[in-house]
């Protein structure tokens, strides 16, 4: 039978014909939380800041720096700096004021598999033009044009991270599907028995898989994802902390506070105050 006739008779799916050699591609999900360019007059040096989101920094003048372990990175117009999620840094401002641009964003797989590090890139002319055109304001920049430009900048910089920076281990597809199942239950409880049933394994086998691949239990992973979502929601000033607790599946506000502080080392209110201002 000719291929055209088989298609007409419905014996060959159109998707098979249109995409006969479709290759799987990595489609990393990037979610911007805030974009801002502001006059920086103070940076707290005493505390190591660890957040669950990525940070992009660029300064229009020298005079500020970040410290990662024993490494000191000066923030100058010639540099753009990426700080991955869960990477602790300290800040220092060595002058009265400087213009500071920053973007906070989440980056999903494979960028959630990076080893802790600070990534420094040379600022190119096109990047400089875009960054300098951002308005200086205390309010987040949320216009479509600037937002899309920053998305492009983030993707461009992430693409330059060397392959050697990524952890070599790859989560098996069966495990990845089970992780997606957990992430779909951020707003409600899901037991280990339900998670194991979805994986098609015993509870003990499922627990071993999680410990081997993620280094934590599925319940610990679920709590981590709930707090990560809470961190994103805390960037929205219209949402109360009580609302955020409810939307992230915490049965009461006290339990939310306790879990948040255990994972972030600060309270939700402190997080909102610090993370949304630099």
C-alpha atoms as a PDB file:
ATOM      1  CA  UNK A   1       0.000   0.000   0.000  1.00  0.00           C
ATOM      2  CA  UNK A   2       1.253   3.424  -0.902  1.00  0.00           C
ATOM      3  CA  UNK A   3       2.026   5.709   2.051  1.00  0.00           C
ATOM      4  CA  UNK A   4      -0.487   8.348   0.862  1.00  0.00           C
ATOM      5  CA  UNK A   5      -3.291   5.774   0.800  1.00  0.00           C
ATOM      6  CA  UNK A   6      -2.351   4.481   4.230  1.00  0.00           C
ATOM      7  CA  UNK A   7      -2.537   8.027   5.589  1.00  0.00           C
ATOM      8  CA  UNK A   8      -5.922   8.638   3.954  1.00  0.00           C
ATOM      9  CA  UNK A   9      -7.275   5.388   5.426  1.00  0.00           C
ATOM     10  CA  UNK A  10      -6.110   6.381   8.898  1.00  0.00           C
ATOM     11  CA  UNK A  11      -3.675   3.471   9.134  1.00  0.00           C
ATOM     12  CA  UNK A  12      -0.633   5.729   9.643  1.00  0.00           C
ATOM     13  CA  UNK A  13      -0.823   8.501  12.250  1.00  0.00           C
ATOM     14  CA  UNK A  14      -0.183  11.940  10.795  1.00  0.00           C
ATOM     15  CA  UNK A  15       2.314  12.625  13.566  1.00  0.00           C
ATOM     16  CA  UNK A  16       4.394   9.701  12.328  1.00  0.00           C
ATOM     17  CA  UNK A  17       4.555  11.183   8.862  1.00  0.00           C
ATOM     18  CA  UNK A  18       5.086  14.798   9.872  1.00  0.00           C
ATOM     19  CA  UNK A  19       7.770  13.963  12.431  1.00  0.00           C
ATOM     20  CA  UNK A  20       9.321  10.683  11.280  1.00  0.00           C
ATOM     21  CA  UNK A  21      12.708  11.314  12.916  1.00  0.00           C
ATOM     22  CA  UNK A  22      11.777  13.539  15.857  1.00  0.00           C
ATOM     23  CA  UNK A  23      14.709  13.801  18.257  1.00  0.00           C
ATOM     24  CA  UNK A  24      14.304  14.462  21.991  1.00  0.00           C
ATOM     25  CA  UNK A  25      15.536  17.917  22.976  1.00  0.00           C
ATOM     26  CA  UNK A  26      16.318  19.420  26.338  1.00  0.00           C
ATOM     27  CA  UNK A  27      13.822  22.199  27.042  1.00  0.00           C
ATOM     28  CA  UNK A  28      14.919  23.832  30.303  1.00  0.00           C
ATOM     29  CA  UNK A  29      12.180  25.723  32.080  1.00  0.00           C
ATOM     30  CA  UNK A  30      13.294  29.213  33.164  1.00  0.00           C
ATOM     31  CA  UNK A  31      10.944  31.238  35.386  1.00  0.00           C
ATOM     32  CA  UNK A  32      11.850  34.825  36.208  1.00  0.00           C
ATOM     33  CA  UNK A  33      10.824  35.963  39.681  1.00  0.00           C
ATOM     34  CA  UNK A  34      11.962  39.575  39.604  1.00  0.00           C
ATOM     35  CA  UNK A  35      13.994  42.001  37.472  1.00  0.00           C
ATOM     36  CA  UNK A  36      15.227  45.259  38.918  1.00  0.00           C
ATOM     37  CA  UNK A  37      17.824  47.988  38.365  1.00  0.00           C
ATOM     38  CA  UNK A  38      18.250  50.187  41.394  1.00  0.00           C
ATOM     39  CA  UNK A  39      20.614  52.451  43.284  1.00  0.00           C
ATOM     40  CA  UNK A  40      22.401  50.267  45.802  1.00  0.00           C
ATOM     41  CA  UNK A  41      23.328  52.055  49.034  1.00  0.00           C
ATOM     42  CA  UNK A  42      23.806  49.115  51.415  1.00  0.00           C
ATOM     43  CA  UNK A  43      24.690  45.449  51.226  1.00  0.00           C
ATOM     44  CA  UNK A  44      24.711  43.278  54.341  1.00  0.00           C
ATOM     45  CA  UNK A  45      28.179  41.696  54.550  1.00  0.00           C
ATOM     46  CA  UNK A  46      27.776  39.725  57.761  1.00  0.00           C
ATOM     47  CA  UNK A  47      25.382  37.018  56.615  1.00  0.00           C
ATOM     48  CA  UNK A  48      25.868  34.381  53.938  1.00  0.00           C
ATOM     49  CA  UNK A  49      22.843  34.554  51.649  1.00  0.00           C
ATOM     50  CA  UNK A  50      21.506  31.226  50.342  1.00  0.00           C
ATOM     51  CA  UNK A  51      18.361  31.231  48.206  1.00  0.00           C
ATOM     52  CA  UNK A  52      16.521  28.549  46.262  1.00  0.00           C
ATOM     53  CA  UNK A  53      16.587  30.624  43.069  1.00  0.00           C
ATOM     54  CA  UNK A  54      19.373  31.749  40.709  1.00  0.00           C
ATOM     55  CA  UNK A  55      20.690  35.310  40.783  1.00  0.00           C
ATOM     56  CA  UNK A  56      22.078  37.390  37.920  1.00  0.00           C
ATOM     57  CA  UNK A  57      24.165  40.448  38.889  1.00  0.00           C
ATOM     58  CA  UNK A  58      25.562  43.356  36.893  1.00  0.00           C
ATOM     59  CA  UNK A  59      26.777  46.736  38.183  1.00  0.00           C
ATOM     60  CA  UNK A  60      27.216  49.858  36.080  1.00  0.00           C
ATOM     61  CA  UNK A  61      30.081  51.068  38.319  1.00  0.00           C
ATOM     62  CA  UNK A  62      32.835  49.329  40.288  1.00  0.00           C
ATOM     63  CA  UNK A  63      32.688  49.310  44.074  1.00  0.00           C
ATOM     64  CA  UNK A  64      30.713  46.198  45.011  1.00  0.00           C
ATOM     65  CA  UNK A  65      31.730  42.584  45.328  1.00  0.00           C
ATOM     66  CA  UNK A  66      30.455  39.184  46.295  1.00  0.00           C
ATOM     67  CA  UNK A  67      32.356  36.574  48.282  1.00  0.00           C
ATOM     68  CA  UNK A  68      31.952  32.840  47.680  1.00  0.00           C
ATOM     69  CA  UNK A  69      34.005  30.778  50.131  1.00  0.00           C
ATOM     70  CA  UNK A  70      37.487  32.325  49.709  1.00  0.00           C
ATOM     71  CA  UNK A  71      36.806  33.709  46.255  1.00  0.00           C
ATOM     72  CA  UNK A  72      36.129  37.441  45.823  1.00  0.00           C
ATOM     73  CA  UNK A  73      34.353  38.583  42.635  1.00  0.00           C
ATOM     74  CA  UNK A  74      34.244  42.312  41.926  1.00  0.00           C
ATOM     75  CA  UNK A  75      31.067  43.515  40.236  1.00  0.00           C
ATOM     76  CA  UNK A  76      32.059  45.817  37.379  1.00  0.00           C
ATOM     77  CA  UNK A  77      30.486  46.850  34.046  1.00  0.00           C
ATOM     78  CA  UNK A  78      32.726  44.331  32.261  1.00  0.00           C
ATOM     79  CA  UNK A  79      31.250  41.335  34.128  1.00  0.00           C
ATOM     80  CA  UNK A  80      27.926  39.554  34.417  1.00  0.00           C
ATOM     81  CA  UNK A  81      27.708  37.101  37.295  1.00  0.00           C
ATOM     82  CA  UNK A  82      25.417  34.088  37.723  1.00  0.00           C
ATOM     83  CA  UNK A  83      24.897  32.622  41.192  1.00  0.00           C
ATOM     84  CA  UNK A  84      23.173  29.199  41.051  1.00  0.00           C
ATOM     85  CA  UNK A  85      20.413  28.259  43.447  1.00  0.00           C
ATOM     86  CA  UNK A  86      21.484  27.057  46.902  1.00  0.00           C
ATOM     87  CA  UNK A  87      24.899  28.728  46.546  1.00  0.00           C
ATOM     88  CA  UNK A  88      25.791  30.788  49.590  1.00  0.00           C
ATOM     89  CA  UNK A  89      27.469  34.154  49.043  1.00  0.00           C
ATOM     90  CA  UNK A  90      28.204  37.319  50.998  1.00  0.00           C
ATOM     91  CA  UNK A  91      27.964  40.871  49.671  1.00  0.00           C
ATOM     92  CA  UNK A  92      30.106  43.941  50.148  1.00  0.00           C
ATOM     93  CA  UNK A  93      29.657  47.545  49.025  1.00  0.00           C
ATOM     94  CA  UNK A  94      32.866  49.619  49.052  1.00  0.00           C
ATOM     95  CA  UNK A  95      31.382  52.958  47.958  1.00  0.00           C
ATOM     96  CA  UNK A  96      28.431  55.108  48.949  1.00  0.00           C
ATOM     97  CA  UNK A  97      26.230  54.012  46.091  1.00  0.00           C
ATOM     98  CA  UNK A  98      26.256  52.127  42.802  1.00  0.00           C
ATOM     99  CA  UNK A  99      23.668  51.160  40.203  1.00  0.00           C
ATOM    100  CA  UNK A 100      22.914  47.476  40.601  1.00  0.00           C
ATOM    101  CA  UNK A 101      20.991  45.281  38.148  1.00  0.00           C
ATOM    102  CA  UNK A 102      19.731  41.893  39.227  1.00  0.00           C
ATOM    103  CA  UNK A 103      17.341  39.169  38.151  1.00  0.00           C
ATOM    104  CA  UNK A 104      16.104  36.281  40.253  1.00  0.00           C
ATOM    105  CA  UNK A 105      14.946  33.162  38.430  1.00  0.00           C
ATOM    106  CA  UNK A 106      14.368  29.430  38.703  1.00  0.00           C
ATOM    107  CA  UNK A 107      16.145  27.086  36.286  1.00  0.00           C
ATOM    108  CA  UNK A 108      14.928  23.509  36.091  1.00  0.00           C
ATOM    109  CA  UNK A 109      16.752  20.433  34.782  1.00  0.00           C
ATOM    110  CA  UNK A 110      19.502  20.129  33.761  1.00  0.00           C
ATOM    111  CA  UNK A 111      20.563  23.296  35.594  1.00  0.00           C
ATOM    112  CA  UNK A 112      19.356  21.950  38.925  1.00  0.00           C
ATOM    113  CA  UNK A 113      22.169  19.381  38.627  1.00  0.00           C
ATOM    114  CA  UNK A 114      25.037  21.850  38.728  1.00  0.00           C
ATOM    115  CA  UNK A 115      27.708  21.746  41.383  1.00  0.00           C
ATOM    116  CA  UNK A 116      27.881  24.934  43.533  1.00  0.00           C
ATOM    117  CA  UNK A 117      29.978  27.606  41.825  1.00  0.00           C
ATOM    118  CA  UNK A 118      29.960  31.225  40.699  1.00  0.00           C
ATOM    119  CA  UNK A 119      29.904  31.810  36.937  1.00  0.00           C
ATOM    120  CA  UNK A 120      31.442  35.014  35.590  1.00  0.00           C
ATOM    121  CA  UNK A 121      31.008  36.113  31.975  1.00  0.00           C
ATOM    122  CA  UNK A 122      32.381  39.005  29.953  1.00  0.00           C
ATOM    123  CA  UNK A 123      29.749  41.641  29.189  1.00  0.00           C
ATOM    124  CA  UNK A 124      29.324  41.982  25.433  1.00  0.00           C
ATOM    125  CA  UNK A 125      28.318  45.255  23.693  1.00  0.00           C
ATOM    126  CA  UNK A 126      24.751  44.100  23.025  1.00  0.00           C
ATOM    127  CA  UNK A 127      24.328  43.036  26.644  1.00  0.00           C
ATOM    128  CA  UNK A 128      25.659  46.399  27.857  1.00  0.00           C
ATOM    129  CA  UNK A 129      23.206  48.312  25.685  1.00  0.00           C
ATOM    130  CA  UNK A 130      20.279  46.280  27.009  1.00  0.00           C
ATOM    131  CA  UNK A 131      21.336  46.486  30.662  1.00  0.00           C
ATOM    132  CA  UNK A 132      21.961  50.222  30.536  1.00  0.00           C
ATOM    133  CA  UNK A 133      18.545  50.782  28.948  1.00  0.00           C
ATOM    134  CA  UNK A 134      16.753  49.249  31.950  1.00  0.00           C
ATOM    135  CA  UNK A 135      15.053  51.946  34.043  1.00  0.00           C
ATOM    136  CA  UNK A 136      16.403  52.612  37.528  1.00  0.00           C
ATOM    137  CA  UNK A 137      13.512  51.992  39.901  1.00  0.00           C
ATOM    138  CA  UNK A 138      12.615  50.432  43.227  1.00  0.00           C
ATOM    139  CA  UNK A 139       9.806  48.575  41.456  1.00  0.00           C
ATOM    140  CA  UNK A 140      10.236  45.322  39.597  1.00  0.00           C
ATOM    141  CA  UNK A 141      10.558  45.651  35.814  1.00  0.00           C
ATOM    142  CA  UNK A 142       7.669  43.691  34.297  1.00  0.00           C
ATOM    143  CA  UNK A 143       7.172  45.200  30.830  1.00  0.00           C
ATOM    144  CA  UNK A 144       7.142  42.614  28.031  1.00  0.00           C
ATOM    145  CA  UNK A 145      10.120  43.952  26.040  1.00  0.00           C
ATOM    146  CA  UNK A 146      12.647  44.145  28.906  1.00  0.00           C
ATOM    147  CA  UNK A 147      11.415  40.848  30.342  1.00  0.00           C
ATOM    148  CA  UNK A 148      11.932  39.005  27.054  1.00  0.00           C
ATOM    149  CA  UNK A 149      15.371  40.627  26.687  1.00  0.00           C
ATOM    150  CA  UNK A 150      16.366  39.336  30.115  1.00  0.00           C
ATOM    151  CA  UNK A 151      15.036  35.868  29.262  1.00  0.00           C
ATOM    152  CA  UNK A 152      17.283  35.915  26.192  1.00  0.00           C
ATOM    153  CA  UNK A 153      20.252  37.029  28.277  1.00  0.00           C
ATOM    154  CA  UNK A 154      19.681  34.271  30.848  1.00  0.00           C
ATOM    155  CA  UNK A 155      19.420  31.546  28.203  1.00  0.00           C
ATOM    156  CA  UNK A 156      22.532  32.891  26.469  1.00  0.00           C
ATOM    157  CA  UNK A 157      24.579  32.791  29.684  1.00  0.00           C
ATOM    158  CA  UNK A 158      23.311  29.380  30.783  1.00  0.00           C
ATOM    159  CA  UNK A 159      24.322  27.994  27.380  1.00  0.00           C
ATOM    160  CA  UNK A 160      27.927  29.025  28.109  1.00  0.00           C
ATOM    161  CA  UNK A 161      28.253  26.965  31.261  1.00  0.00           C
ATOM    162  CA  UNK A 162      30.721  24.174  30.401  1.00  0.00           C
ATOM    163  CA  UNK A 163      29.512  20.576  30.259  1.00  0.00           C
ATOM    164  CA  UNK A 164      32.069  19.646  32.901  1.00  0.00           C
ATOM    165  CA  UNK A 165      30.125  21.701  35.460  1.00  0.00           C
ATOM    166  CA  UNK A 166      27.164  19.337  35.346  1.00  0.00           C
ATOM    167  CA  UNK A 167      26.939  16.377  37.637  1.00  0.00           C
ATOM    168  CA  UNK A 168      27.404  13.221  35.629  1.00  0.00           C
ATOM    169  CA  UNK A 169      24.572  11.222  37.190  1.00  0.00           C
ATOM    170  CA  UNK A 170      21.354  11.081  35.185  1.00  0.00           C
ATOM    171  CA  UNK A 171      18.027  10.292  36.804  1.00  0.00           C
ATOM    172  CA  UNK A 172      16.389   7.218  35.162  1.00  0.00           C
ATOM    173  CA  UNK A 173      13.142   7.941  33.297  1.00  0.00           C
ATOM    174  CA  UNK A 174      11.112   5.823  35.719  1.00  0.00           C
ATOM    175  CA  UNK A 175      12.438   7.894  38.612  1.00  0.00           C
ATOM    176  CA  UNK A 176      11.914  11.170  36.729  1.00  0.00           C
ATOM    177  CA  UNK A 177       8.245  10.290  36.145  1.00  0.00           C
ATOM    178  CA  UNK A 178       7.831   9.570  39.844  1.00  0.00           C
ATOM    179  CA  UNK A 179       9.431  12.890  40.763  1.00  0.00           C
ATOM    180  CA  UNK A 180       6.935  14.624  38.446  1.00  0.00           C
ATOM    181  CA  UNK A 181       4.151  12.792  40.276  1.00  0.00           C
ATOM    182  CA  UNK A 182       5.394  14.227  43.593  1.00  0.00           C
ATOM    183  CA  UNK A 183       5.708  17.736  42.161  1.00  0.00           C
ATOM    184  CA  UNK A 184       2.082  17.535  41.019  1.00  0.00           C
ATOM    185  CA  UNK A 185       1.084  17.058  44.666  1.00  0.00           C
ATOM    186  CA  UNK A 186       2.717  20.175  46.127  1.00  0.00           C
ATOM    187  CA  UNK A 187      -0.663  21.472  47.332  1.00  0.00           C
ATOM    188  CA  UNK A 188      -1.687  18.286  49.133  1.00  0.00           C
ATOM    189  CA  UNK A 189      -0.239  15.365  51.034  1.00  0.00           C
ATOM    190  CA  UNK A 190       0.923  12.219  49.296  1.00  0.00           C
ATOM    191  CA  UNK A 191       2.079   9.185  51.258  1.00  0.00           C
ATOM    192  CA  UNK A 192       5.140   7.022  50.624  1.00  0.00           C
ATOM    193  CA  UNK A 193       2.753   4.176  49.827  1.00  0.00           C
ATOM    194  CA  UNK A 194       1.106   6.243  47.057  1.00  0.00           C
ATOM    195  CA  UNK A 195       4.488   7.308  45.688  1.00  0.00           C
ATOM    196  CA  UNK A 196       5.709   3.689  45.647  1.00  0.00           C
ATOM    197  CA  UNK A 197       2.499   2.518  43.967  1.00  0.00           C
ATOM    198  CA  UNK A 198       2.977   5.114  41.234  1.00  0.00           C
ATOM    199  CA  UNK A 199       6.542   3.898  40.709  1.00  0.00           C
ATOM    200  CA  UNK A 200       5.408   0.269  40.649  1.00  0.00           C
ATOM    201  CA  UNK A 201       7.752  -0.710  43.466  1.00  0.00           C
ATOM    202  CA  UNK A 202       7.671  -1.528  47.138  1.00  0.00           C
ATOM    203  CA  UNK A 203       8.035   1.309  49.633  1.00  0.00           C
ATOM    204  CA  UNK A 204      11.525   0.134  50.649  1.00  0.00           C
ATOM    205  CA  UNK A 205      12.673  -0.101  47.017  1.00  0.00           C
ATOM    206  CA  UNK A 206      11.267   3.340  46.251  1.00  0.00           C
ATOM    207  CA  UNK A 207      13.019   4.822  49.290  1.00  0.00           C
ATOM    208  CA  UNK A 208      16.341   3.315  48.170  1.00  0.00           C
ATOM    209  CA  UNK A 209      15.907   4.878  44.709  1.00  0.00           C
ATOM    210  CA  UNK A 210      15.320   8.333  46.205  1.00  0.00           C
ATOM    211  CA  UNK A 211      18.240   8.053  48.573  1.00  0.00           C
ATOM    212  CA  UNK A 212      20.546   6.929  45.773  1.00  0.00           C
ATOM    213  CA  UNK A 213      19.431   9.478  43.136  1.00  0.00           C
ATOM    214  CA  UNK A 214      18.528  12.524  45.243  1.00  0.00           C
ATOM    215  CA  UNK A 215      20.169  11.874  48.589  1.00  0.00           C
ATOM    216  CA  UNK A 216      16.885  12.415  50.430  1.00  0.00           C
ATOM    217  CA  UNK A 217      13.519  10.822  51.100  1.00  0.00           C
ATOM    218  CA  UNK A 218      10.515  11.587  48.866  1.00  0.00           C
ATOM    219  CA  UNK A 219       8.870  13.465  51.740  1.00  0.00           C
ATOM    220  CA  UNK A 220      11.972  15.627  52.149  1.00  0.00           C
ATOM    221  CA  UNK A 221      11.931  16.295  48.395  1.00  0.00           C
ATOM    222  CA  UNK A 222       8.243  17.236  48.577  1.00  0.00           C
ATOM    223  CA  UNK A 223       8.942  19.687  51.412  1.00  0.00           C
ATOM    224  CA  UNK A 224      11.824  21.196  49.428  1.00  0.00           C
ATOM    225  CA  UNK A 225       9.598  21.720  46.379  1.00  0.00           C
ATOM    226  CA  UNK A 226       6.861  23.259  48.527  1.00  0.00           C
ATOM    227  CA  UNK A 227       9.330  25.726  49.999  1.00  0.00           C
ATOM    228  CA  UNK A 228      10.738  26.526  46.540  1.00  0.00           C
ATOM    229  CA  UNK A 229       7.222  27.351  45.362  1.00  0.00           C
ATOM    230  CA  UNK A 230       6.710  29.444  48.507  1.00  0.00           C
ATOM    231  CA  UNK A 231       9.905  31.357  47.686  1.00  0.00           C
ATOM    232  CA  UNK A 232       8.498  32.198  44.262  1.00  0.00           C
ATOM    233  CA  UNK A 233       5.139  33.265  45.703  1.00  0.00           C
ATOM    234  CA  UNK A 234       6.829  35.495  48.283  1.00  0.00           C
ATOM    235  CA  UNK A 235       7.906  37.731  45.394  1.00  0.00           C
ATOM    236  CA  UNK A 236       4.243  38.631  44.915  1.00  0.00           C
ATOM    237  CA  UNK A 237       3.440  41.428  47.392  1.00  0.00           C
ATOM    238  CA  UNK A 238      -0.297  40.870  46.863  1.00  0.00           C
ATOM    239  CA  UNK A 239      -0.179  37.453  48.522  1.00  0.00           C
ATOM    240  CA  UNK A 240      -0.186  37.170  52.292  1.00  0.00           C
ATOM    241  CA  UNK A 241       2.050  34.650  54.021  1.00  0.00           C
ATOM    242  CA  UNK A 242      -1.076  32.824  55.187  1.00  0.00           C
ATOM    243  CA  UNK A 243      -2.256  32.493  51.561  1.00  0.00           C
ATOM    244  CA  UNK A 244       1.159  31.237  50.498  1.00  0.00           C
ATOM    245  CA  UNK A 245       1.142  28.615  53.254  1.00  0.00           C
ATOM    246  CA  UNK A 246      -2.229  27.357  52.030  1.00  0.00           C
ATOM    247  CA  UNK A 247      -1.197  27.339  48.363  1.00  0.00           C
ATOM    248  CA  UNK A 248       1.892  25.273  49.127  1.00  0.00           C
ATOM    249  CA  UNK A 249       0.046  22.573  51.035  1.00  0.00           C
ATOM    250  CA  UNK A 250       0.898  23.418  54.647  1.00  0.00           C
ATOM    251  CA  UNK A 251      -1.859  22.558  57.083  1.00  0.00           C
ATOM    252  CA  UNK A 252      -1.221  25.576  59.295  1.00  0.00           C
ATOM    253  CA  UNK A 253       0.869  28.744  59.269  1.00  0.00           C
ATOM    254  CA  UNK A 254       3.031  27.692  62.210  1.00  0.00           C
ATOM    255  CA  UNK A 255       4.138  24.491  60.455  1.00  0.00           C
ATOM    256  CA  UNK A 256       4.895  26.551  57.347  1.00  0.00           C
ATOM    257  CA  UNK A 257       7.052  28.991  59.346  1.00  0.00           C
ATOM    258  CA  UNK A 258       8.902  26.153  61.060  1.00  0.00           C
ATOM    259  CA  UNK A 259       9.593  24.237  57.819  1.00  0.00           C
ATOM    260  CA  UNK A 260      10.561  27.376  55.916  1.00  0.00           C
ATOM    261  CA  UNK A 261      13.046  28.471  58.556  1.00  0.00           C
ATOM    262  CA  UNK A 262      14.530  24.966  58.787  1.00  0.00           C
ATOM    263  CA  UNK A 263      15.272  24.941  55.037  1.00  0.00           C
ATOM    264  CA  UNK A 264      16.061  28.631  54.404  1.00  0.00           C
ATOM    265  CA  UNK A 265      17.530  29.660  57.796  1.00  0.00           C
ATOM    266  CA  UNK A 266      15.236  32.716  57.879  1.00  0.00           C
ATOM    267  CA  UNK A 267      11.502  33.265  58.284  1.00  0.00           C
ATOM    268  CA  UNK A 268       9.198  33.844  55.280  1.00  0.00           C
ATOM    269  CA  UNK A 269       8.862  37.537  56.209  1.00  0.00           C
ATOM    270  CA  UNK A 270      12.657  37.949  56.390  1.00  0.00           C
ATOM    271  CA  UNK A 271      13.021  36.104  53.091  1.00  0.00           C
ATOM    272  CA  UNK A 272      10.482  38.396  51.424  1.00  0.00           C
ATOM    273  CA  UNK A 273      12.291  41.464  52.745  1.00  0.00           C
ATOM    274  CA  UNK A 274      15.815  40.327  51.744  1.00  0.00           C
ATOM    275  CA  UNK A 275      15.254  38.385  48.523  1.00  0.00           C
ATOM    276  CA  UNK A 276      13.022  40.956  46.897  1.00  0.00           C
ATOM    277  CA  UNK A 277      15.426  43.837  47.460  1.00  0.00           C
ATOM    278  CA  UNK A 278      18.671  42.392  46.028  1.00  0.00           C
END
